[in-house]
C-alpha atoms as a PDB file:
ATOM      1  CA  MET A   1       5.871   3.668  16.426  1.00  0.00           C
ATOM      2  CA  GLU A   2       8.591   4.230  19.135  1.00  0.00           C
ATOM      3  CA  LEU A   3      10.319   0.961  20.064  1.00  0.00           C
ATOM      4  CA  ASN A   4       9.889   1.871  23.816  1.00  0.00           C
ATOM      5  CA  ASN A   5       6.067   1.630  23.314  1.00  0.00           C
ATOM      6  CA  VAL A   6       6.113  -1.849  21.607  1.00  0.00           C
ATOM      7  CA  ARG A   7       5.067  -4.815  23.699  1.00  0.00           C
ATOM      8  CA  ASN A   8       3.555  -8.180  23.030  1.00  0.00           C
ATOM      9  CA  GLY A   9      -0.184  -8.079  22.857  1.00  0.00           C
ATOM     10  CA  LEU A  10      -0.376  -4.410  21.774  1.00  0.00           C
ATOM     11  CA  ARG A  11      -3.109  -3.748  19.130  1.00  0.00           C
ATOM     12  CA  VAL A  12      -1.755  -2.069  16.028  1.00  0.00           C
ATOM     13  CA  ARG A  13      -2.669  -0.955  12.452  1.00  0.00           C
ATOM     14  CA  VAL A  14      -0.319  -0.901   9.507  1.00  0.00           C
ATOM     15  CA  ALA A  15      -0.213   2.706   8.425  1.00  0.00           C
ATOM     16  CA  LYS A  16       2.232   2.375   5.542  1.00  0.00           C
ATOM     17  CA  LEU A  17       4.539  -0.101   3.881  1.00  0.00           C
ATOM     18  CA  GLU A  18       8.222   0.543   3.408  1.00  0.00           C
ATOM     19  CA  SER A  19      10.791  -1.667   1.616  1.00  0.00           C
ATOM     20  CA  ALA A  20      11.049  -5.237   3.111  1.00  0.00           C
ATOM     21  CA  ARG A  21      14.386  -5.559   1.440  1.00  0.00           C
ATOM     22  CA  GLY A  22      16.842  -6.894   4.000  1.00  0.00           C
ATOM     23  CA  MET A  23      14.194  -8.658   6.128  1.00  0.00           C
ATOM     24  CA  LEU A  24      15.440 -12.189   6.706  1.00  0.00           C
ATOM     25  CA  VAL A  25      12.084 -13.972   7.120  1.00  0.00           C
ATOM     26  CA  HIS A  26      10.194 -16.599   5.240  1.00  0.00           C
ATOM     27  CA  GLY A  27       8.403 -15.141   2.155  1.00  0.00           C
ATOM     28  CA  ARG A  28       4.945 -16.163   3.585  1.00  0.00           C
ATOM     29  CA  HIS A  29       5.459 -13.453   6.284  1.00  0.00           C
ATOM     30  CA  LEU A  30       6.315 -10.864   3.569  1.00  0.00           C
ATOM     31  CA  SER A  31       3.564 -11.720   1.013  1.00  0.00           C
ATOM     32  CA  VAL A  32       0.761 -10.916   3.572  1.00  0.00           C
ATOM     33  CA  ARG A  33       2.044  -7.387   4.323  1.00  0.00           C
ATOM     34  CA  GLU A  34      -0.729  -4.886   3.671  1.00  0.00           C
ATOM     35  CA  VAL A  35      -1.644  -1.327   4.526  1.00  0.00           C
ATOM     36  CA  GLY A  36      -4.744  -0.999   6.791  1.00  0.00           C
ATOM     37  CA  VAL A  37      -4.430  -4.408   8.326  1.00  0.00           C
ATOM     38  CA  THR A  38      -5.110  -4.444  12.103  1.00  0.00           C
ATOM     39  CA  GLY A  39      -3.533  -7.011  14.467  1.00  0.00           C
ATOM     40  CA  THR A  40      -1.589  -7.794  17.598  1.00  0.00           C
ATOM     41  CA  ILE A  41       2.163  -7.666  18.129  1.00  0.00           C
ATOM     42  CA  GLN A  42       3.459 -11.230  18.810  1.00  0.00           C
ATOM     43  CA  GLY A  43       7.119 -10.282  19.441  1.00  0.00           C
ATOM     44  CA  HIS A  44      10.291  -9.131  17.716  1.00  0.00           C
ATOM     45  CA  VAL A  45      11.811 -10.889  14.672  1.00  0.00           C
ATOM     46  CA  PRO A  46      15.118 -12.266  15.833  1.00  0.00           C
ATOM     47  CA  GLY A  47      18.288 -10.732  14.177  1.00  0.00           C
ATOM     48  CA  HIS A  48      16.762  -7.380  13.419  1.00  0.00           C
ATOM     49  CA  ALA A  49      17.743  -5.397  16.481  1.00  0.00           C
ATOM     50  CA  GLY A  50      14.075  -5.096  17.624  1.00  0.00           C
ATOM     51  CA  ASP A  51      13.141  -2.952  14.591  1.00  0.00           C
ATOM     52  CA  VAL A  52      11.090  -5.720  12.899  1.00  0.00           C
ATOM     53  CA  LEU A  53       7.974  -7.155  14.637  1.00  0.00           C
ATOM     54  CA  TRP A  54       5.653 -10.085  14.171  1.00  0.00           C
ATOM     55  CA  VAL A  55       2.056  -8.836  13.766  1.00  0.00           C
ATOM     56  CA  GLU A  56      -0.786 -11.402  13.903  1.00  0.00           C
ATOM     57  CA  HIS A  57      -3.504 -10.169  11.572  1.00  0.00           C
ATOM     58  CA  ASP A  58      -7.057  -9.888  12.755  1.00  0.00           C
ATOM     59  CA  ASN A  59      -9.654 -12.203  11.051  1.00  0.00           C
ATOM     60  CA  SER A  60      -7.037 -14.522   9.517  1.00  0.00           C
ATOM     61  CA  ASP A  61      -4.213 -16.951  10.352  1.00  0.00           C
ATOM     62  CA  ASP A  62      -1.631 -14.607   8.755  1.00  0.00           C
ATOM     63  CA  VAL A  63       1.407 -13.271  10.602  1.00  0.00           C
ATOM     64  CA  GLY A  64       3.389 -10.485   8.835  1.00  0.00           C
ATOM     65  CA  ALA A  65       6.740  -9.042   9.516  1.00  0.00           C
ATOM     66  CA  TYR A  66       6.585  -5.259   9.844  1.00  0.00           C
ATOM     67  CA  CYS A  67       9.044  -2.461  10.683  1.00  0.00           C
ATOM     68  CA  SER A  68       8.181  -0.518  13.771  1.00  0.00           C
ATOM     69  CA  THR A  69       7.965   2.617  11.570  1.00  0.00           C
ATOM     70  CA  GLU A  70       5.095   1.026   9.546  1.00  0.00           C
ATOM     71  CA  ILE A  71       2.655   0.462  12.393  1.00  0.00           C
ATOM     72  CA  GLU A  72       0.717   2.650  14.823  1.00  0.00           C
ATOM     73  CA  LYS A  73      -1.207   1.877  18.001  1.00  0.00           C
ATOM     74  CA  VAL A  74      -4.922   1.330  17.596  1.00  0.00           C
END
């Protein structure tokens, strides 16, 4: 997804997973990463130049950290 199109509240789906190596976030946000998950963007992860986003998953309390290239607009 183009970073210019990213905004809080945008509905997205995780289309693919790439390496999370280098993401400086708590493991609980990495362990919930999954292809096919839908959710809502909740903001940018600090310290990652806007490339990594918080996505609150639908139907759970999980929030995953995803690269902008891993998600697509629903």
